[in-house]
Amino acid sequence: MAENVQTSTQAKGYKTWVGIPQFIFDTPEPVLIDHYVQSSIEELRKKGFTGDNVFIAAHSLGGVMSQIYTEGRTDIKGQILMGSVLLRDKHSINDKGETEFKEDIPPTLTIGAEKDGLMRITRVAASYYHQTKNIASS
């Protein structure tokens, strides 16, 4: 998938860099995630990446860990959650019954999926509702 992203964006005149942190047992560890992400970015910089548009994409449990990692960070421009959704603690319901998201989470693209059996389609539907239909009017 990373190679496809790089190839398709280069064909359109963009330069895309993809780093894939390597976690022990392929399991993102909250205590070490900063180390692994920063190491991946350092490797990209050694290979010529000079930008500051850093996005994180993660699947399933990685989506949960990435939300913990990105909250409050200004160096991460956005996150892509695949087979994962924004956690319930990232939003609240105001007095009008509308959804309000925390201000310190980055822009998020959610790609819902449930084929692995861990992400229930009802969680994807609830996330869709809160992220698109029930947004608080300012």
C-alpha atoms as a PDB file:
ATOM      1  CA  MET A   1       0.000   0.000   0.000  1.00  0.00           C
ATOM      2  CA  ALA A   2       2.836   2.403   0.879  1.00  0.00           C
ATOM      3  CA  GLU A   3       4.483   1.823  -2.498  1.00  0.00           C
ATOM      4  CA  ASN A   4       1.167   2.520  -4.271  1.00  0.00           C
ATOM      5  CA  VAL A   5       0.785   5.800  -2.382  1.00  0.00           C
ATOM      6  CA  GLN A   6       4.305   6.872  -3.309  1.00  0.00           C
ATOM      7  CA  THR A   7       3.928   5.882  -6.965  1.00  0.00           C
ATOM      8  CA  SER A   8       0.500   7.444  -7.476  1.00  0.00           C
ATOM      9  CA  THR A   9       1.430  10.743  -5.809  1.00  0.00           C
ATOM     10  CA  GLN A  10       4.709  11.001  -7.733  1.00  0.00           C
ATOM     11  CA  ALA A  11       2.764  10.567 -10.970  1.00  0.00           C
ATOM     12  CA  LYS A  12       0.774  13.669  -9.980  1.00  0.00           C
ATOM     13  CA  GLY A  13       3.886  15.708  -9.205  1.00  0.00           C
ATOM     14  CA  TYR A  14       4.006  15.231  -5.445  1.00  0.00           C
ATOM     15  CA  LYS A  15       6.811  13.736  -3.452  1.00  0.00           C
ATOM     16  CA  THR A  16       5.528  11.343  -0.804  1.00  0.00           C
ATOM     17  CA  TRP A  17       7.717   9.684   1.802  1.00  0.00           C
ATOM     18  CA  VAL A  18       6.552   6.650   3.737  1.00  0.00           C
ATOM     19  CA  GLY A  19       8.185   5.356   6.892  1.00  0.00           C
ATOM     20  CA  ILE A  20       6.979   2.231   8.627  1.00  0.00           C
ATOM     21  CA  PRO A  21       8.018   1.902  12.273  1.00  0.00           C
ATOM     22  CA  GLN A  22       9.005  -1.629  13.236  1.00  0.00           C
ATOM     23  CA  PHE A  23       7.523  -2.655  16.578  1.00  0.00           C
ATOM     24  CA  ILE A  24       8.549  -5.701  18.555  1.00  0.00           C
ATOM     25  CA  PHE A  25       6.061  -8.492  17.730  1.00  0.00           C
ATOM     26  CA  ASP A  26       4.344  -5.973  15.389  1.00  0.00           C
ATOM     27  CA  THR A  27       2.523  -4.564  18.422  1.00  0.00           C
ATOM     28  CA  PRO A  28       2.638  -0.800  19.028  1.00  0.00           C
ATOM     29  CA  GLU A  29       3.732  -0.128  22.596  1.00  0.00           C
ATOM     30  CA  PRO A  30       2.514   3.180  24.067  1.00  0.00           C
ATOM     31  CA  VAL A  31       5.709   3.735  26.054  1.00  0.00           C
ATOM     32  CA  LEU A  32       7.914   3.268  22.974  1.00  0.00           C
ATOM     33  CA  ILE A  33       5.751   4.694  20.193  1.00  0.00           C
ATOM     34  CA  ASP A  34       7.462   8.105  20.260  1.00  0.00           C
ATOM     35  CA  HIS A  35      10.860   6.444  19.846  1.00  0.00           C
ATOM     36  CA  TYR A  36       9.730   4.320  16.905  1.00  0.00           C
ATOM     37  CA  VAL A  37       7.900   7.132  15.098  1.00  0.00           C
ATOM     38  CA  GLN A  38      10.764   9.592  15.574  1.00  0.00           C
ATOM     39  CA  SER A  39      13.281   6.948  14.411  1.00  0.00           C
ATOM     40  CA  SER A  40      11.232   6.431  11.239  1.00  0.00           C
ATOM     41  CA  ILE A  41      11.135  10.174  10.577  1.00  0.00           C
ATOM     42  CA  GLU A  42      14.900  10.418  11.159  1.00  0.00           C
ATOM     43  CA  GLU A  43      15.458   7.621   8.617  1.00  0.00           C
ATOM     44  CA  LEU A  44      13.317   9.492   6.079  1.00  0.00           C
ATOM     45  CA  ARG A  45      15.327  12.665   6.704  1.00  0.00           C
ATOM     46  CA  LYS A  46      18.572  10.759   6.082  1.00  0.00           C
ATOM     47  CA  LYS A  47      17.119   9.711   2.724  1.00  0.00           C
ATOM     48  CA  GLY A  48      16.175  13.270   1.762  1.00  0.00           C
ATOM     49  CA  PHE A  49      12.816  14.116   3.364  1.00  0.00           C
ATOM     50  CA  THR A  50      12.895  17.813   4.262  1.00  0.00           C
ATOM     51  CA  GLY A  51       9.235  18.611   4.831  1.00  0.00           C
ATOM     52  CA  ASP A  52       7.142  19.006   7.931  1.00  0.00           C
ATOM     53  CA  ASN A  53       3.844  17.560   6.679  1.00  0.00           C
ATOM     54  CA  VAL A  54       3.851  14.413   8.796  1.00  0.00           C
ATOM     55  CA  PHE A  55       0.753  12.239   8.821  1.00  0.00           C
ATOM     56  CA  ILE A  56       0.305   8.990  10.695  1.00  0.00           C
ATOM     57  CA  ALA A  57      -1.693   6.099   9.268  1.00  0.00           C
ATOM     58  CA  ALA A  58      -2.518   3.108  11.414  1.00  0.00           C
ATOM     59  CA  HIS A  59      -4.707   0.025  11.450  1.00  0.00           C
ATOM     60  CA  SER A  60      -6.765  -1.466  14.278  1.00  0.00           C
ATOM     61  CA  LEU A  61      -4.813  -1.366  17.561  1.00  0.00           C
ATOM     62  CA  GLY A  62      -2.263   0.875  15.852  1.00  0.00           C
ATOM     63  CA  GLY A  63      -5.118   3.348  15.323  1.00  0.00           C
ATOM     64  CA  VAL A  64      -5.735   3.431  19.053  1.00  0.00           C
ATOM     65  CA  MET A  65      -2.033   3.932  19.800  1.00  0.00           C
ATOM     66  CA  SER A  66      -1.669   6.619  17.140  1.00  0.00           C
ATOM     67  CA  GLN A  67      -4.501   8.635  18.720  1.00  0.00           C
ATOM     68  CA  ILE A  68      -2.756   8.525  22.059  1.00  0.00           C
ATOM     69  CA  TYR A  69       0.481   9.587  20.358  1.00  0.00           C
ATOM     70  CA  THR A  70      -0.934  12.411  18.211  1.00  0.00           C
ATOM     71  CA  GLU A  71      -3.153  14.092  20.795  1.00  0.00           C
ATOM     72  CA  GLY A  72      -1.764  17.517  21.616  1.00  0.00           C
ATOM     73  CA  ARG A  73       1.140  17.275  19.148  1.00  0.00           C
ATOM     74  CA  THR A  74       1.647  20.117  16.698  1.00  0.00           C
ATOM     75  CA  ASP A  75       4.265  18.279  14.613  1.00  0.00           C
ATOM     76  CA  ILE A  76       1.706  15.752  13.334  1.00  0.00           C
ATOM     77  CA  LYS A  77      -0.548  17.312  10.685  1.00  0.00           C
ATOM     78  CA  GLY A  78      -3.161  14.540  10.583  1.00  0.00           C
ATOM     79  CA  GLN A  79      -3.943  10.891  11.084  1.00  0.00           C
ATOM     80  CA  ILE A  80      -5.556   8.163   9.017  1.00  0.00           C
ATOM     81  CA  LEU A  81      -7.361   5.448  10.940  1.00  0.00           C
ATOM     82  CA  MET A  82      -7.953   2.208   9.024  1.00  0.00           C
ATOM     83  CA  GLY A  83     -10.198  -0.357  10.667  1.00  0.00           C
ATOM     84  CA  SER A  84     -10.166   1.922  13.680  1.00  0.00           C
ATOM     85  CA  VAL A  85     -12.210   4.916  14.829  1.00  0.00           C
ATOM     86  CA  LEU A  86     -11.707   7.936  17.052  1.00  0.00           C
ATOM     87  CA  LEU A  87     -11.927   6.842  20.653  1.00  0.00           C
ATOM     88  CA  ARG A  88     -14.926   7.907  22.701  1.00  0.00           C
ATOM     89  CA  ASP A  89     -12.742  10.021  24.986  1.00  0.00           C
ATOM     90  CA  LYS A  90     -11.917  12.283  22.007  1.00  0.00           C
ATOM     91  CA  HIS A  91     -15.382  13.830  22.012  1.00  0.00           C
ATOM     92  CA  SER A  92     -18.217  14.840  24.296  1.00  0.00           C
ATOM     93  CA  ILE A  93     -21.881  15.690  23.889  1.00  0.00           C
ATOM     94  CA  ASN A  94     -22.887  19.291  24.616  1.00  0.00           C
ATOM     95  CA  ASP A  95     -26.159  20.542  26.167  1.00  0.00           C
ATOM     96  CA  LYS A  96     -27.825  20.529  22.741  1.00  0.00           C
ATOM     97  CA  GLY A  97     -26.950  16.847  22.205  1.00  0.00           C
ATOM     98  CA  GLU A  98     -24.320  17.695  19.579  1.00  0.00           C
ATOM     99  CA  THR A  99     -20.860  16.174  19.309  1.00  0.00           C
ATOM    100  CA  GLU A 100     -17.858  18.330  20.203  1.00  0.00           C
ATOM    101  CA  PHE A 101     -14.361  16.990  19.557  1.00  0.00           C
ATOM    102  CA  LYS A 102     -11.317  17.893  21.596  1.00  0.00           C
ATOM    103  CA  GLU A 103      -9.335  20.712  20.026  1.00  0.00           C
ATOM    104  CA  ASP A 104      -5.956  19.030  20.450  1.00  0.00           C
ATOM    105  CA  ILE A 105      -6.544  16.054  18.151  1.00  0.00           C
ATOM    106  CA  PRO A 106      -5.276  16.358  14.578  1.00  0.00           C
ATOM    107  CA  PRO A 107      -7.537  16.225  11.523  1.00  0.00           C
ATOM    108  CA  THR A 108      -8.580  12.597  11.138  1.00  0.00           C
ATOM    109  CA  LEU A 109      -9.653  10.451   8.210  1.00  0.00           C
ATOM    110  CA  THR A 110     -11.498   7.335   9.344  1.00  0.00           C
ATOM    111  CA  ILE A 111     -11.674   4.340   7.031  1.00  0.00           C
ATOM    112  CA  GLY A 112     -14.136   1.943   8.622  1.00  0.00           C
ATOM    113  CA  ALA A 113     -13.772  -1.793   8.303  1.00  0.00           C
ATOM    114  CA  GLU A 114     -14.697  -4.809  10.361  1.00  0.00           C
ATOM    115  CA  LYS A 115     -13.414  -7.816   8.474  1.00  0.00           C
ATOM    116  CA  ASP A 116     -10.903  -8.780  11.173  1.00  0.00           C
ATOM    117  CA  GLY A 117     -13.765  -9.203  13.648  1.00  0.00           C
ATOM    118  CA  LEU A 118     -12.375  -6.710  16.135  1.00  0.00           C
ATOM    119  CA  MET A 119     -13.928  -3.491  14.837  1.00  0.00           C
ATOM    120  CA  ARG A 120     -17.677  -3.892  15.058  1.00  0.00           C
ATOM    121  CA  ILE A 121     -19.653  -2.222  12.314  1.00  0.00           C
ATOM    122  CA  THR A 122     -21.784  -0.543  14.990  1.00  0.00           C
ATOM    123  CA  ARG A 123     -18.666   1.319  16.249  1.00  0.00           C
ATOM    124  CA  VAL A 124     -17.954   2.436  12.692  1.00  0.00           C
ATOM    125  CA  ALA A 125     -21.570   3.631  12.344  1.00  0.00           C
ATOM    126  CA  ALA A 126     -21.423   5.490  15.669  1.00  0.00           C
ATOM    127  CA  SER A 127     -18.147   7.116  14.638  1.00  0.00           C
ATOM    128  CA  TYR A 128     -19.651   8.186  11.321  1.00  0.00           C
ATOM    129  CA  TYR A 129     -22.616   9.719  13.134  1.00  0.00           C
ATOM    130  CA  HIS A 130     -20.442  11.718  15.544  1.00  0.00           C
ATOM    131  CA  GLN A 131     -17.894  12.791  12.925  1.00  0.00           C
ATOM    132  CA  THR A 132     -20.298  13.812  10.172  1.00  0.00           C
ATOM    133  CA  LYS A 133     -23.954  14.065  11.225  1.00  0.00           C
ATOM    134  CA  ASN A 134     -23.984  15.313  14.806  1.00  0.00           C
ATOM    135  CA  ILE A 135     -21.247  17.973  14.763  1.00  0.00           C
ATOM    136  CA  ALA A 136     -21.867  20.927  17.065  1.00  0.00           C
ATOM    137  CA  SER A 137     -22.767  24.160  15.341  1.00  0.00           C
ATOM    138  CA  SER A 138     -20.446  26.922  16.496  1.00  0.00           C
END
